[in-house]
């Protein structure tokens, strides 16, 4: 059977596989579209071809906490639409449980763990690749953290885009409140002393530039800069921040914890897409390239 360019284009639209691979599959299947699609799914891990190179700046944060064992993971995809897909959400929640249960060393070790879903498997990585084909979007495990050191854990998910785990000793309700506070106020450290030096220097340089514009004497400018830095440190340090649920609007997180007899040892905050540079596609150029490829097929 003659393989036409329109048949190749149709198969490419269905599978997102490279043009020449589509042509080969159709030739092997003697023009049977369903059979050719199946051949590509087996050969290329479904739509992993083009989709696997696309930027995944959307996604979800999932958590799994059982007693003193827990995990937080960010799983990315390309569009907000897929973050509501049941299969994608099942993958994210399963990955969080696997991290908590097995404490993998890295993303590669996580992907190698046994897991089956939607007819894909036998590993988590196989399911990820399978869902790329089923859903038609790239998706990736970006980062995770796990805990199994015997300390108390409190978690909070704000929707699916922000996740927090707090390590603490003391009252679970107070710790949960702190997790919610972290999600809302996004501190960078527990105390002022823990704020990374590069962040302080960046704030100092900004404050210095602003203070210099005032035209005031050098000693006054120096005091203005130091005042700005101290204000910044209080704004980004968890214990110095005003607690979001403070009845008087003044009580700090540190004071609330002291009153509750609770000690927070650390916190981890994941915000979906944080630090990922979103790629803006040149749609016209992409269409032109596909047309050119179709003519050459």
Protein backbone atom coordinates (compact mmCIF):
# COMPACT_ATOMS: atom_id res chain seq x y z
CA UNK A 1 0.00 0.00 0.00
CA UNK A 2 1.29 3.48 -0.90
CA UNK A 3 2.12 5.61 2.13
CA UNK A 4 0.98 9.20 1.55
CA UNK A 5 2.21 12.38 3.22
CA UNK A 6 -1.25 12.94 4.71
CA UNK A 7 -1.12 9.50 6.38
CA UNK A 8 2.28 10.32 7.83
CA UNK A 9 0.99 13.68 9.05
CA UNK A 10 -2.05 12.02 10.67
CA UNK A 11 0.10 9.49 12.52
CA UNK A 12 2.50 12.24 13.60
CA UNK A 13 -0.41 14.25 15.02
CA UNK A 14 -1.59 11.21 16.96
CA UNK A 15 1.77 10.15 18.36
CA UNK A 16 4.03 13.22 18.21
CA UNK A 17 6.74 10.90 16.90
CA UNK A 18 9.38 12.09 14.38
CA UNK A 19 8.20 12.24 10.76
CA UNK A 20 10.55 9.55 9.43
CA UNK A 21 9.65 7.18 12.27
CA UNK A 22 5.98 7.62 11.36
CA UNK A 23 6.71 6.79 7.74
CA UNK A 24 8.69 3.67 8.71
CA UNK A 25 5.92 2.48 11.05
CA UNK A 26 3.24 2.94 8.39
CA UNK A 27 5.37 1.06 5.86
CA UNK A 28 5.90 -1.79 8.31
CA UNK A 29 2.17 -1.86 9.14
CA UNK A 30 1.24 -1.75 5.44
CA UNK A 31 -0.75 1.43 5.94
CA UNK A 32 -2.75 0.20 8.95
CA UNK A 33 -2.97 3.35 11.10
CA UNK A 34 -3.84 1.56 14.37
CA UNK A 35 -1.07 -0.99 13.92
CA UNK A 36 1.46 1.73 13.02
CA UNK A 37 0.49 3.71 16.13
CA UNK A 38 1.02 0.61 18.28
CA UNK A 39 4.43 -0.01 16.68
CA UNK A 40 5.50 3.55 17.53
CA UNK A 41 4.26 3.27 21.11
CA UNK A 42 6.36 0.15 21.59
CA UNK A 43 9.41 1.52 19.80
CA UNK A 44 9.50 5.10 21.09
CA UNK A 45 7.88 4.84 24.50
CA UNK A 46 4.75 6.47 23.07
CA UNK A 47 5.02 10.23 22.57
CA UNK A 48 8.30 10.61 24.40
CA UNK A 49 10.01 11.86 21.20
CA UNK A 50 9.17 15.53 20.89
CA UNK A 51 7.30 15.85 24.17
CA UNK A 52 10.32 14.81 26.24
CA UNK A 53 12.25 17.89 25.13
CA UNK A 54 9.61 20.43 26.11
CA UNK A 55 9.85 22.64 29.18
CA UNK A 56 7.84 21.49 32.20
CA UNK A 57 7.19 24.61 34.24
CA UNK A 58 3.73 23.67 35.52
CA UNK A 59 2.98 20.78 37.85
CA UNK A 60 2.08 19.78 41.38
CA UNK A 61 3.65 19.28 44.77
CA UNK A 62 2.67 16.08 46.57
CA UNK A 63 3.48 14.82 50.06
CA UNK A 64 3.32 11.62 52.07
CA UNK A 65 3.70 11.71 55.84
CA UNK A 66 3.24 8.76 58.18
CA UNK A 67 4.43 9.45 61.71
CA UNK A 68 8.12 10.29 61.59
CA UNK A 69 8.56 9.22 57.96
CA UNK A 70 7.71 11.60 55.17
CA UNK A 71 8.37 12.99 51.72
CA UNK A 72 7.75 16.05 49.60
CA UNK A 73 8.06 15.95 45.81
CA UNK A 74 7.56 18.28 42.85
CA UNK A 75 6.33 16.68 39.63
CA UNK A 76 6.22 18.89 36.56
CA UNK A 77 4.25 19.01 33.32
CA UNK A 78 3.81 21.56 30.51
CA UNK A 79 0.33 23.02 31.08
CA UNK A 80 -1.97 23.80 33.98
CA UNK A 81 -4.63 21.64 32.29
CA UNK A 82 -2.65 18.45 32.93
CA UNK A 83 -2.23 19.28 36.65
CA UNK A 84 -5.90 18.34 37.01
CA UNK A 85 -5.56 15.05 35.12
CA UNK A 86 -6.36 12.06 37.37
CA UNK A 87 -3.54 9.90 35.94
CA UNK A 88 -0.97 12.67 36.42
CA UNK A 89 -2.14 13.29 40.00
CA UNK A 90 -2.04 9.55 40.72
CA UNK A 91 1.55 9.46 39.45
CA UNK A 92 2.56 12.39 41.69
CA UNK A 93 0.94 10.94 44.81
CA UNK A 94 2.42 7.50 44.14
CA UNK A 95 5.87 9.04 43.70
CA UNK A 96 5.55 10.83 47.06
CA UNK A 97 4.67 7.54 48.77
CA UNK A 98 7.56 5.73 47.07
CA UNK A 99 10.00 8.43 48.22
CA UNK A 100 8.73 8.17 51.81
CA UNK A 101 8.83 4.36 51.84
CA UNK A 102 12.12 3.74 50.03
CA UNK A 103 14.14 6.93 50.69
CA UNK A 104 15.80 6.87 47.22
CA UNK A 105 19.18 8.59 46.85
CA UNK A 106 18.29 10.56 43.72
CA UNK A 107 15.79 10.94 40.87
CA UNK A 108 17.30 8.04 38.93
CA UNK A 109 16.88 5.72 41.92
CA UNK A 110 13.31 6.95 42.35
CA UNK A 111 12.49 6.16 38.71
CA UNK A 112 13.81 2.61 39.10
CA UNK A 113 11.39 1.75 41.93
CA UNK A 114 8.62 -0.80 41.17
CA UNK A 115 5.29 0.79 40.22
CA UNK A 116 2.50 0.12 37.71
CA UNK A 117 -0.37 2.37 36.64
CA UNK A 118 -2.69 2.77 33.63
CA UNK A 119 -1.26 -0.36 32.06
CA UNK A 120 2.32 0.93 32.26
CA UNK A 121 5.22 -0.40 34.34
CA UNK A 122 7.01 -2.18 35.92
CA UNK A 123 8.90 0.88 37.21
CA UNK A 124 7.90 4.45 38.05
CA UNK A 125 10.03 5.67 35.12
CA UNK A 126 8.15 3.34 32.76
CA UNK A 127 4.85 4.77 34.00
CA UNK A 128 6.14 8.32 33.50
CA UNK A 129 7.13 7.56 29.90
CA UNK A 130 3.84 5.79 29.28
CA UNK A 131 1.80 8.73 30.55
CA UNK A 132 3.77 11.11 28.32
CA UNK A 133 2.29 9.18 25.43
CA UNK A 134 -1.19 8.79 26.89
CA UNK A 135 -1.58 12.43 27.92
CA UNK A 136 0.59 13.97 25.19
CA UNK A 137 2.74 16.20 27.39
CA UNK A 138 6.20 15.94 28.82
CA UNK A 139 6.29 15.38 32.58
CA UNK A 140 9.20 15.01 34.94
CA UNK A 141 10.15 14.44 38.55
CA UNK A 142 12.01 17.61 39.46
CA UNK A 143 13.05 17.34 43.11
CA UNK A 144 12.17 15.61 46.34
CA UNK A 145 13.16 15.48 49.98
CA UNK A 146 12.56 12.70 52.49
CA UNK A 147 12.67 12.32 56.25
CA UNK A 148 13.18 9.20 58.34
CA UNK A 149 15.29 10.42 61.27
CA UNK A 150 12.68 9.83 63.93
CA UNK A 151 11.62 13.46 64.33
CA UNK A 152 8.03 14.68 64.31
CA UNK A 153 6.72 15.97 60.97
CA UNK A 154 3.87 18.29 60.03
CA UNK A 155 2.83 18.87 56.44
CA UNK A 156 0.64 21.32 54.56
CA UNK A 157 -0.35 21.53 50.91
CA UNK A 158 -1.83 24.78 49.63
CA UNK A 159 -3.80 23.47 46.68
CA UNK A 160 -1.34 21.50 44.56
CA UNK A 161 1.20 24.26 43.87
CA UNK A 162 2.76 24.84 47.30
CA UNK A 163 3.93 22.18 49.74
CA UNK A 164 5.57 22.47 53.16
CA UNK A 165 7.00 19.98 55.65
CA UNK A 166 8.01 21.15 59.12
CA UNK A 167 10.31 19.19 61.47
CA UNK A 168 9.37 19.84 65.09
CA UNK A 169 9.18 18.76 68.71
CA UNK A 170 6.07 19.53 70.71
CA UNK A 171 2.52 20.43 69.74
CA UNK A 172 1.27 19.08 66.38
CA UNK A 173 -1.37 21.82 65.99
CA UNK A 174 1.22 24.58 66.44
CA UNK A 175 3.52 22.83 63.95
CA UNK A 176 0.70 22.55 61.37
CA UNK A 177 0.02 26.27 61.85
CA UNK A 178 3.68 26.98 61.16
CA UNK A 179 3.51 24.89 57.97
CA UNK A 180 0.53 26.98 56.81
CA UNK A 181 2.41 30.16 57.75
CA UNK A 182 5.45 29.08 55.70
CA UNK A 183 3.23 28.45 52.67
CA UNK A 184 1.75 31.94 52.99
CA UNK A 185 4.82 34.00 53.94
CA UNK A 186 7.60 31.96 52.31
CA UNK A 187 10.48 32.60 54.76
CA UNK A 188 13.98 31.68 53.58
CA UNK A 189 15.35 30.50 56.92
CA UNK A 190 14.50 29.78 60.56
CA UNK A 191 16.44 32.74 62.01
CA UNK A 192 18.21 35.87 60.80
CA UNK A 193 21.55 34.14 61.37
CA UNK A 194 20.58 31.43 58.87
CA UNK A 195 19.79 33.74 55.94
CA UNK A 196 22.23 32.96 53.09
CA UNK A 197 25.03 35.53 52.76
CA UNK A 198 24.36 36.10 49.04
CA UNK A 199 20.77 37.15 49.78
CA UNK A 200 21.94 39.59 52.45
CA UNK A 201 24.54 41.09 50.12
CA UNK A 202 21.99 41.48 47.35
CA UNK A 203 19.64 43.28 49.74
CA UNK A 204 22.52 45.43 51.02
CA UNK A 205 23.48 46.54 47.50
CA UNK A 206 19.87 47.45 46.65
CA UNK A 207 19.53 49.37 49.93
CA UNK A 208 22.85 51.16 49.30
CA UNK A 209 21.75 52.26 45.83
CA UNK A 210 18.47 53.63 47.21
CA UNK A 211 20.14 55.35 50.18
CA UNK A 212 22.76 56.98 47.94
CA UNK A 213 19.98 58.72 46.02
CA UNK A 214 18.90 60.51 49.19
CA UNK A 215 21.94 62.79 49.06
CA UNK A 216 22.42 62.50 52.82
CA UNK A 217 25.83 62.33 54.57
CA UNK A 218 27.77 59.05 54.41
CA UNK A 219 27.20 58.17 58.07
CA UNK A 220 23.44 58.63 57.69
CA UNK A 221 23.47 56.59 54.47
CA UNK A 222 25.31 53.77 56.28
CA UNK A 223 22.66 53.74 59.02
CA UNK A 224 19.88 53.73 56.41
CA UNK A 225 21.47 50.73 54.68
CA UNK A 226 21.92 48.81 57.93
CA UNK A 227 18.33 49.58 58.92
CA UNK A 228 17.05 48.25 55.59
CA UNK A 229 19.11 45.05 55.95
CA UNK A 230 17.83 44.42 59.48
CA UNK A 231 14.25 44.98 58.32
CA UNK A 232 14.81 42.50 55.48
CA UNK A 233 16.23 39.87 57.84
CA UNK A 234 13.13 40.06 60.05
CA UNK A 235 10.86 39.80 57.01
CA UNK A 236 12.47 36.59 55.69
CA UNK A 237 13.27 34.78 58.96
CA UNK A 238 10.52 32.42 60.12
CA UNK A 239 10.85 33.05 63.86
CA UNK A 240 10.90 36.85 63.35
CA UNK A 241 7.90 37.01 61.02
CA UNK A 242 4.54 38.09 62.42
CA UNK A 243 2.46 34.92 62.73
CA UNK A 244 -0.32 34.94 60.10
CA UNK A 245 -2.91 33.86 62.68
CA UNK A 246 -1.72 36.25 65.42
CA UNK A 247 -4.81 37.60 67.21
CA UNK A 248 -3.08 40.89 67.98
CA UNK A 249 -1.42 41.19 64.58
CA UNK A 250 1.97 41.48 66.29
CA UNK A 251 2.92 38.10 67.79
CA UNK A 252 5.88 36.55 66.00
CA UNK A 253 6.11 32.89 65.01
CA UNK A 254 8.91 32.48 67.54
CA UNK A 255 6.72 33.85 70.34
CA UNK A 256 3.78 31.65 69.31
CA UNK A 257 5.97 28.55 69.37
CA UNK A 258 7.42 29.44 72.75
CA UNK A 259 3.92 29.83 74.18
CA UNK A 260 2.96 26.46 72.69
CA UNK A 261 6.08 24.76 74.07
CA UNK A 262 7.08 23.75 70.56
CA UNK A 263 10.46 23.74 68.84
CA UNK A 264 10.69 23.89 65.03
CA UNK A 265 13.99 22.42 63.85
CA UNK A 266 13.55 23.07 60.15
CA UNK A 267 11.17 23.46 57.24
CA UNK A 268 11.12 22.67 53.53
CA UNK A 269 9.07 24.71 51.07
CA UNK A 270 8.42 23.64 47.46
CA UNK A 271 6.67 26.03 45.05
CA UNK A 272 5.83 24.61 41.62
CA UNK A 273 8.05 25.91 38.83
CA UNK A 274 10.24 27.98 41.16
CA UNK A 275 13.39 28.87 39.24
CA UNK A 276 12.32 27.20 35.99
CA UNK A 277 12.59 29.47 32.98
CA UNK A 278 9.49 29.09 30.85
CA UNK A 279 10.19 28.78 27.15
CA UNK A 280 8.15 30.90 24.74
CA UNK A 281 7.76 28.95 21.52
CA UNK A 282 7.87 30.63 18.13
CA UNK A 283 4.66 29.01 16.93
CA UNK A 284 4.93 30.29 13.34
CA UNK A 285 8.46 28.89 13.01
CA UNK A 286 7.33 25.55 14.41
CA UNK A 287 4.45 25.30 11.91
CA UNK A 288 6.79 26.25 9.04
CA UNK A 289 9.25 23.55 10.09
CA UNK A 290 6.49 20.93 10.22
CA UNK A 291 5.23 21.93 6.75
CA UNK A 292 8.77 21.68 5.35
CA UNK A 293 9.23 18.28 6.99
CA UNK A 294 5.90 17.06 5.57
CA UNK A 295 6.95 18.06 2.04
CA UNK A 296 10.17 16.12 2.42
CA UNK A 297 8.46 13.01 3.80
